[in-house]
C-alpha atoms as a PDB file:
ATOM      1  CA  MET A   1      -0.222   0.201  -0.047  1.00  0.00           C
ATOM      2  CA  PRO A   2       1.766   3.387  -0.803  1.00  0.00           C
ATOM      3  CA  LEU A   3       2.725   5.265   1.821  1.00  0.00           C
ATOM      4  CA  HIS A   4       1.407   9.016   1.989  1.00  0.00           C
ATOM      5  CA  LEU A   5       3.813  12.484   3.038  1.00  0.00           C
ATOM      6  CA  HIS A   6       3.223  15.258   3.583  1.00  0.00           C
ATOM      7  CA  ALA A   7       6.340  17.567   4.745  1.00  0.00           C
ATOM      8  CA  SER A   8       6.465  20.961   6.272  1.00  0.00           C
ATOM      9  CA  ASP A   9       9.362  23.201   6.846  1.00  0.00           C
ATOM     10  CA  SER A  10       7.507  24.557   9.825  1.00  0.00           C
ATOM     11  CA  ALA A  11       6.545  22.478  13.529  1.00  0.00           C
ATOM     12  CA  THR A  12       3.320  25.260  13.095  1.00  0.00           C
ATOM     13  CA  THR A  13       2.116  24.564  10.204  1.00  0.00           C
ATOM     14  CA  LEU A  14       2.904  20.927  10.144  1.00  0.00           C
ATOM     15  CA  ASP A  15       0.740  20.455  13.786  1.00  0.00           C
ATOM     16  CA  ALA A  16      -2.068  22.691  12.098  1.00  0.00           C
ATOM     17  CA  GLU A  17      -1.814  20.572   8.897  1.00  0.00           C
ATOM     18  CA  LEU A  18      -2.046  17.220  10.829  1.00  0.00           C
ATOM     19  CA  ALA A  19      -4.818  18.667  13.387  1.00  0.00           C
ATOM     20  CA  GLU A  20      -7.447  19.760  10.715  1.00  0.00           C
ATOM     21  CA  TRP A  21      -6.843  16.884   8.927  1.00  0.00           C
ATOM     22  CA  VAL A  22      -7.113  14.383  11.912  1.00  0.00           C
ATOM     23  CA  ALA A  23     -10.567  16.164  12.408  1.00  0.00           C
ATOM     24  CA  SER A  24     -11.721  15.723   9.330  1.00  0.00           C
ATOM     25  CA  ARG A  25     -11.146  11.303   9.929  1.00  0.00           C
ATOM     26  CA  LEU A  26     -13.347  12.149  12.969  1.00  0.00           C
ATOM     27  CA  LYS A  27     -15.748  14.521  12.042  1.00  0.00           C
ATOM     28  CA  GLU A  28     -16.240  11.563   9.152  1.00  0.00           C
ATOM     29  CA  GLY A  29     -16.974   9.080  11.756  1.00  0.00           C
ATOM     30  CA  VAL A  30     -19.095   9.584  13.643  1.00  0.00           C
ATOM     31  CA  ALA A  31     -21.117  11.549  10.103  1.00  0.00           C
ATOM     32  CA  ARG A  32     -21.141   7.268   9.790  1.00  0.00           C
ATOM     33  CA  ARG A  33     -21.317   5.706  13.095  1.00  0.00           C
ATOM     34  CA  GLY A  34     -22.273   8.666  15.553  1.00  0.00           C
ATOM     35  CA  MET A  35     -18.395   8.957  17.226  1.00  0.00           C
ATOM     36  CA  ALA A  36     -15.135   8.237  16.000  1.00  0.00           C
ATOM     37  CA  THR A  37     -11.783   7.159  17.925  1.00  0.00           C
ATOM     38  CA  LEU A  38      -8.517   8.600  18.050  1.00  0.00           C
ATOM     39  CA  VAL A  39      -5.959   7.133  19.714  1.00  0.00           C
ATOM     40  CA  VAL A  40      -2.775   8.747  20.602  1.00  0.00           C
ATOM     41  CA  SER A  41       0.954   8.552  21.390  1.00  0.00           C
ATOM     42  CA  GLY A  42       2.881  11.043  24.169  1.00  0.00           C
ATOM     43  CA  GLY A  43       6.393  12.632  23.743  1.00  0.00           C
ATOM     44  CA  ARG A  44       6.919  16.321  22.849  1.00  0.00           C
ATOM     45  CA  THR A  45       6.236  15.663  19.124  1.00  0.00           C
ATOM     46  CA  PRO A  46       2.762  15.813  19.716  1.00  0.00           C
ATOM     47  CA  LEU A  47       2.141  18.836  22.421  1.00  0.00           C
ATOM     48  CA  GLY A  48       1.968  20.883  19.535  1.00  0.00           C
ATOM     49  CA  PHE A  49      -0.652  19.104  17.761  1.00  0.00           C
ATOM     50  CA  PHE A  50      -3.115  18.425  21.035  1.00  0.00           C
ATOM     51  CA  ARG A  51      -2.731  22.310  21.175  1.00  0.00           C
ATOM     52  CA  GLN A  52      -4.080  22.810  17.527  1.00  0.00           C
ATOM     53  CA  LEU A  53      -7.054  19.633  17.748  1.00  0.00           C
ATOM     54  CA  ARG A  54      -8.218  20.826  20.880  1.00  0.00           C
ATOM     55  CA  GLY A  55      -9.508  23.908  18.893  1.00  0.00           C
ATOM     56  CA  ILE A  56     -10.882  22.459  16.109  1.00  0.00           C
ATOM     57  CA  PRO A  57     -14.272  22.283  16.977  1.00  0.00           C
ATOM     58  CA  LEU A  58     -15.759  18.933  16.694  1.00  0.00           C
ATOM     59  CA  GLU A  59     -18.817  16.799  18.172  1.00  0.00           C
ATOM     60  CA  TRP A  60     -15.873  16.252  21.386  1.00  0.00           C
ATOM     61  CA  GLY A  61     -18.483  14.202  22.906  1.00  0.00           C
ATOM     62  CA  LYS A  62     -18.740  11.234  20.429  1.00  0.00           C
ATOM     63  CA  VAL A  63     -14.630  11.312  20.424  1.00  0.00           C
ATOM     64  CA  THR A  64     -13.227   8.653  22.133  1.00  0.00           C
ATOM     65  CA  VAL A  65      -9.152   8.985  22.364  1.00  0.00           C
ATOM     66  CA  THR A  66      -6.739   6.439  23.872  1.00  0.00           C
ATOM     67  CA  LEU A  67      -3.159   5.919  23.811  1.00  0.00           C
ATOM     68  CA  SER A  68      -0.727   3.689  22.167  1.00  0.00           C
ATOM     69  CA  ASP A  69       1.024   3.174  24.816  1.00  0.00           C
ATOM     70  CA  GLU A  70       1.636   4.473  29.074  1.00  0.00           C
ATOM     71  CA  ARG A  71       4.628   4.303  31.257  1.00  0.00           C
ATOM     72  CA  TRP A  72       3.792   2.328  35.075  1.00  0.00           C
ATOM     73  CA  VAL A  73       3.851   5.459  36.472  1.00  0.00           C
ATOM     74  CA  PRO A  74       1.104   6.900  38.729  1.00  0.00           C
ATOM     75  CA  ASN A  75      -1.346   9.089  35.955  1.00  0.00           C
ATOM     76  CA  ASP A  76       0.062  11.840  38.193  1.00  0.00           C
ATOM     77  CA  HIS A  77       3.489  11.632  37.292  1.00  0.00           C
ATOM     78  CA  ALA A  78       5.607  13.454  35.465  1.00  0.00           C
ATOM     79  CA  ASP A  79       6.787  11.096  32.796  1.00  0.00           C
ATOM     80  CA  SER A  80       2.520   9.234  32.953  1.00  0.00           C
ATOM     81  CA  ASN A  81       1.153   9.907  28.977  1.00  0.00           C
ATOM     82  CA  GLU A  82      -2.169  10.228  29.821  1.00  0.00           C
ATOM     83  CA  ARG A  83      -1.150  12.470  32.088  1.00  0.00           C
ATOM     84  CA  LEU A  84       0.140  14.448  29.796  1.00  0.00           C
ATOM     85  CA  VAL A  85      -3.512  14.536  27.506  1.00  0.00           C
ATOM     86  CA  ARG A  86      -5.086  15.653  30.077  1.00  0.00           C
ATOM     87  CA  GLU A  87      -3.204  18.674  30.046  1.00  0.00           C
ATOM     88  CA  HIS A  88      -2.628  19.276  26.172  1.00  0.00           C
ATOM     89  CA  LEU A  89      -5.184  17.698  23.996  1.00  0.00           C
ATOM     90  CA  LEU A  90      -8.262  16.630  26.643  1.00  0.00           C
ATOM     91  CA  ARG A  91      -9.173  20.666  28.063  1.00  0.00           C
ATOM     92  CA  ASP A  92     -11.783  23.800  26.815  1.00  0.00           C
ATOM     93  CA  ALA A  93     -14.366  22.345  24.776  1.00  0.00           C
ATOM     94  CA  ALA A  94     -12.624  18.985  23.183  1.00  0.00           C
ATOM     95  CA  SER A  95     -12.716  18.248  27.160  1.00  0.00           C
ATOM     96  CA  ALA A  96     -15.888  17.239  26.538  1.00  0.00           C
ATOM     97  CA  ALA A  97     -14.411  14.040  24.559  1.00  0.00           C
ATOM     98  CA  ALA A  98     -14.195  10.118  26.603  1.00  0.00           C
ATOM     99  CA  PHE A  99     -10.802   8.564  27.756  1.00  0.00           C
ATOM    100  CA  VAL A 100      -9.875   5.023  27.832  1.00  0.00           C
ATOM    101  CA  PRO A 101      -6.547   4.742  30.055  1.00  0.00           C
ATOM    102  CA  LEU A 102      -4.236   2.169  29.816  1.00  0.00           C
ATOM    103  CA  LYS A 103      -2.659   2.670  33.517  1.00  0.00           C
ATOM    104  CA  PHE A 104      -4.763   0.795  36.201  1.00  0.00           C
ATOM    105  CA  ASP A 105      -4.157  -0.523  39.918  1.00  0.00           C
ATOM    106  CA  ALA A 106      -2.367  -3.933  39.524  1.00  0.00           C
ATOM    107  CA  GLU A 107      -0.218  -5.167  40.973  1.00  0.00           C
ATOM    108  CA  THR A 108       1.963  -5.922  38.218  1.00  0.00           C
ATOM    109  CA  PRO A 109       2.483  -4.795  34.681  1.00  0.00           C
ATOM    110  CA  ALA A 110       0.616  -8.065  33.487  1.00  0.00           C
ATOM    111  CA  HIS A 111      -2.423  -8.068  35.163  1.00  0.00           C
ATOM    112  CA  GLY A 112      -2.444  -4.277  34.446  1.00  0.00           C
ATOM    113  CA  ALA A 113      -2.069  -4.829  30.246  1.00  0.00           C
ATOM    114  CA  ARG A 114      -4.696  -7.231  30.868  1.00  0.00           C
ATOM    115  CA  LEU A 115      -6.866  -4.899  32.548  1.00  0.00           C
ATOM    116  CA  ALA A 116      -5.811  -1.961  29.326  1.00  0.00           C
ATOM    117  CA  SER A 117      -6.862  -4.999  27.360  1.00  0.00           C
ATOM    118  CA  ALA A 118     -10.004  -5.464  28.551  1.00  0.00           C
ATOM    119  CA  ALA A 119     -10.599  -1.417  29.007  1.00  0.00           C
ATOM    120  CA  LEU A 120     -10.469  -1.752  25.120  1.00  0.00           C
ATOM    121  CA  ALA A 121     -12.806  -4.525  24.754  1.00  0.00           C
ATOM    122  CA  PRO A 122     -16.370  -2.144  23.993  1.00  0.00           C
ATOM    123  CA  HIS A 123     -13.807  -0.518  21.712  1.00  0.00           C
ATOM    124  CA  HIS A 124     -12.974  -3.353  18.908  1.00  0.00           C
ATOM    125  CA  GLU A 125     -14.063  -2.122  16.120  1.00  0.00           C
ATOM    126  CA  ALA A 126     -11.168   0.022  13.435  1.00  0.00           C
ATOM    127  CA  PHE A 127     -10.138   3.121  15.277  1.00  0.00           C
ATOM    128  CA  ASP A 128     -10.018   6.324  12.705  1.00  0.00           C
ATOM    129  CA  VAL A 129      -7.315   6.960  13.218  1.00  0.00           C
ATOM    130  CA  VAL A 130      -3.725   5.575  14.862  1.00  0.00           C
ATOM    131  CA  ILE A 131      -1.465   8.741  15.222  1.00  0.00           C
ATOM    132  CA  LEU A 132       2.106   6.880  16.435  1.00  0.00           C
ATOM    133  CA  GLY A 133       5.924   8.613  16.769  1.00  0.00           C
ATOM    134  CA  MET A 134       8.762   6.859  15.993  1.00  0.00           C
ATOM    135  CA  GLY A 135      12.122   6.864  18.955  1.00  0.00           C
ATOM    136  CA  GLU A 136      16.054   7.092  17.677  1.00  0.00           C
ATOM    137  CA  ASP A 137      16.174   3.365  17.454  1.00  0.00           C
ATOM    138  CA  GLY A 138      13.693   2.156  15.549  1.00  0.00           C
ATOM    139  CA  HIS A 139      10.394   1.737  18.248  1.00  0.00           C
ATOM    140  CA  THR A 140       6.583   3.033  18.279  1.00  0.00           C
ATOM    141  CA  ALA A 141       5.007   2.351  20.300  1.00  0.00           C
ATOM    142  CA  SER A 142       6.016   1.106  23.185  1.00  0.00           C
ATOM    143  CA  ILE A 143       7.358  -1.882  21.285  1.00  0.00           C
ATOM    144  CA  PHE A 144      11.395  -1.678  21.214  1.00  0.00           C
ATOM    145  CA  PRO A 145      13.942  -3.162  19.255  1.00  0.00           C
ATOM    146  CA  ASP A 146      16.033  -4.665  22.916  1.00  0.00           C
ATOM    147  CA  SER A 147      12.396  -5.818  24.608  1.00  0.00           C
ATOM    148  CA  PRO A 148      12.230  -9.317  25.496  1.00  0.00           C
ATOM    149  CA  GLN A 149       8.744  -8.736  24.351  1.00  0.00           C
ATOM    150  CA  VAL A 150       9.228  -6.968  20.499  1.00  0.00           C
ATOM    151  CA  LEU A 151       8.414 -10.406  19.339  1.00  0.00           C
ATOM    152  CA  ALA A 152       4.578 -10.971  21.367  1.00  0.00           C
ATOM    153  CA  GLY A 153       4.106  -6.637  20.028  1.00  0.00           C
ATOM    154  CA  LEU A 154       5.050  -7.478  16.839  1.00  0.00           C
ATOM    155  CA  HIS A 155       3.222 -10.104  16.213  1.00  0.00           C
ATOM    156  CA  ASP A 156       0.756 -11.478  19.341  1.00  0.00           C
ATOM    157  CA  ALA A 157      -1.501 -14.776  18.825  1.00  0.00           C
ATOM    158  CA  SER A 158      -3.209 -13.811  22.390  1.00  0.00           C
ATOM    159  CA  ASN A 159      -5.827 -11.638  20.508  1.00  0.00           C
ATOM    160  CA  ALA A 160      -4.787  -9.372  24.038  1.00  0.00           C
ATOM    161  CA  ALA A 161      -4.760  -6.063  22.282  1.00  0.00           C
ATOM    162  CA  CYS A 162      -1.905  -4.582  24.976  1.00  0.00           C
ATOM    163  CA  ILE A 163       0.630  -7.055  26.948  1.00  0.00           C
ATOM    164  CA  ALA A 164       3.421  -5.467  29.632  1.00  0.00           C
ATOM    165  CA  THR A 165       6.816  -4.735  27.647  1.00  0.00           C
ATOM    166  CA  GLU A 166      10.121  -4.012  29.003  1.00  0.00           C
ATOM    167  CA  ASN A 167      12.311  -0.940  28.323  1.00  0.00           C
ATOM    168  CA  ALA A 168      16.341  -1.873  29.126  1.00  0.00           C
ATOM    169  CA  THR A 169      17.519   1.519  27.634  1.00  0.00           C
ATOM    170  CA  LYS A 170      15.532   4.379  29.444  1.00  0.00           C
ATOM    171  CA  ALA A 171      12.964   4.508  32.701  1.00  0.00           C
ATOM    172  CA  PRO A 172      10.868   3.874  33.719  1.00  0.00           C
ATOM    173  CA  ARG A 173      11.203   0.599  32.245  1.00  0.00           C
ATOM    174  CA  TRP A 174       7.471  -0.944  33.225  1.00  0.00           C
ATOM    175  CA  ARG A 175       5.105   0.192  29.778  1.00  0.00           C
ATOM    176  CA  ILE A 176       1.148  -0.929  28.557  1.00  0.00           C
ATOM    177  CA  SER A 177       1.610  -0.814  25.163  1.00  0.00           C
ATOM    178  CA  MET A 178      -0.859  -1.426  22.427  1.00  0.00           C
ATOM    179  CA  THR A 179      -0.089  -4.152  19.852  1.00  0.00           C
ATOM    180  CA  ALA A 180       1.026  -4.328  16.519  1.00  0.00           C
ATOM    181  CA  PRO A 181      -2.262  -6.412  15.319  1.00  0.00           C
ATOM    182  CA  ARG A 182      -4.769  -3.928  16.914  1.00  0.00           C
ATOM    183  CA  LEU A 183      -2.822  -0.210  15.905  1.00  0.00           C
ATOM    184  CA  LEU A 184      -3.410  -0.792  12.657  1.00  0.00           C
ATOM    185  CA  ASN A 185      -6.917  -2.599  13.386  1.00  0.00           C
ATOM    186  CA  ALA A 186      -7.678   1.604  11.681  1.00  0.00           C
ATOM    187  CA  HIS A 187      -8.984   3.832   9.531  1.00  0.00           C
ATOM    188  CA  ASN A 188      -5.957   5.139   8.881  1.00  0.00           C
ATOM    189  CA  ILE A 189      -2.223   5.674  10.297  1.00  0.00           C
ATOM    190  CA  VAL A 190      -0.174   8.818  10.930  1.00  0.00           C
ATOM    191  CA  VAL A 191       3.367   8.899  11.775  1.00  0.00           C
ATOM    192  CA  HIS A 192       4.575  11.429  12.571  1.00  0.00           C
ATOM    193  CA  ILE A 193       8.343  12.799  13.142  1.00  0.00           C
ATOM    194  CA  SER A 194      10.120  15.508  13.069  1.00  0.00           C
ATOM    195  CA  GLY A 195      14.266  16.519  12.065  1.00  0.00           C
ATOM    196  CA  ALA A 196      16.623  14.835   9.458  1.00  0.00           C
ATOM    197  CA  ALA A 197      17.105  12.401  11.762  1.00  0.00           C
ATOM    198  CA  LYS A 198      14.086  10.737  11.807  1.00  0.00           C
ATOM    199  CA  TRP A 199      13.935  11.616   8.376  1.00  0.00           C
ATOM    200  CA  ALA A 200      16.390   8.989   7.692  1.00  0.00           C
ATOM    201  CA  LEU A 201      15.778   6.571  10.249  1.00  0.00           C
ATOM    202  CA  LEU A 202      12.311   6.456   8.015  1.00  0.00           C
ATOM    203  CA  GLY A 203      14.429   5.552   4.775  1.00  0.00           C
ATOM    204  CA  GLU A 204      16.371   3.068   6.735  1.00  0.00           C
ATOM    205  CA  ALA A 205      12.895   1.810   7.749  1.00  0.00           C
ATOM    206  CA  LEU A 206      11.748   2.101   4.131  1.00  0.00           C
ATOM    207  CA  ALA A 207      14.937   0.354   2.566  1.00  0.00           C
ATOM    208  CA  GLY A 208      14.581  -2.879   5.440  1.00  0.00           C
ATOM    209  CA  THR A 209      12.609  -5.120   5.956  1.00  0.00           C
ATOM    210  CA  GLU A 210      13.471  -7.100   9.732  1.00  0.00           C
ATOM    211  CA  THR A 211      10.757  -5.445  12.256  1.00  0.00           C
ATOM    212  CA  GLU A 212      12.051  -6.502  15.010  1.00  0.00           C
ATOM    213  CA  ARG A 213      15.249  -4.200  14.819  1.00  0.00           C
ATOM    214  CA  LEU A 214      12.988  -1.822  13.683  1.00  0.00           C
ATOM    215  CA  PRO A 215       9.129  -1.761  15.562  1.00  0.00           C
ATOM    216  CA  ILE A 216       8.197   1.323  13.456  1.00  0.00           C
ATOM    217  CA  ARG A 217       7.882  -1.443   9.453  1.00  0.00           C
ATOM    218  CA  PHE A 218       5.080  -2.682  10.852  1.00  0.00           C
ATOM    219  CA  ALA A 219       3.399   0.919  10.487  1.00  0.00           C
ATOM    220  CA  LEU A 220       5.205   1.497   6.704  1.00  0.00           C
ATOM    221  CA  GLN A 221       5.695  -1.845   5.169  1.00  0.00           C
ATOM    222  CA  GLN A 222       1.712  -3.573   5.792  1.00  0.00           C
ATOM    223  CA  GLU A 223      -1.107  -3.705   3.050  1.00  0.00           C
ATOM    224  CA  ARG A 224      -3.539  -3.164   5.502  1.00  0.00           C
ATOM    225  CA  THR A 225      -4.855   0.400   6.552  1.00  0.00           C
ATOM    226  CA  PRO A 226      -3.362   3.755   5.148  1.00  0.00           C
ATOM    227  CA  CYS A 227      -0.249   5.217   6.421  1.00  0.00           C
ATOM    228  CA  HIS A 228       0.699   8.432   6.747  1.00  0.00           C
ATOM    229  CA  VAL A 229       3.593   9.787   7.009  1.00  0.00           C
ATOM    230  CA  PHE A 230       3.913  13.954   8.564  1.00  0.00           C
ATOM    231  CA  TRP A 231       6.737  15.289   8.147  1.00  0.00           C
ATOM    232  CA  CYS A 232       8.484  18.574   9.748  1.00  0.00           C
ATOM    233  CA  ARG A 233      12.555  19.837   8.690  1.00  0.00           C
END
């Protein structure tokens, strides 16, 4: 399936273009089914996009937002993706959107992953939009190339929406991540990146095939879901 590239010289311009593009897809979902679902990622890259998107008029009460992955920290922790999304996206009119967290009170990350999968079970239909980032090591969501769980994240056969994963190189070590099969069950995939280094890594990811080494390849090299790359120079 062809890859669709959206490029800009300005991060602000790209954030605005991505916000309008996502809003259009969410409006289509609401018009078609009376509801829409959006999966977002954490980190610094999407912050400007979050601010732009929350200002666009939408029937936010018919939109459900969730995360591609979450760190195994309390929901009010500085490293929490939930906290980041609540502070930067789910504000003003967008506060009317429903939010499905991935971090629950559980004794272990594995138990937490089961609770996250259960929370996502009512949202079993294809997501309208899934927005992924890409780390310098080629990871996406919390599917890391050096993780003992990389194969489970890429090829999970249990049909669980989420698994517990380890990041061996950066704290917090434990994460909850949606699996590649669940993330690909979507109408649209977006890979949102910026800078020359990420552009070079994107080229490397497109040139090879080994997903265990660069997990982002599962999104870029598949025939199931249209994939759009939004990149700022």
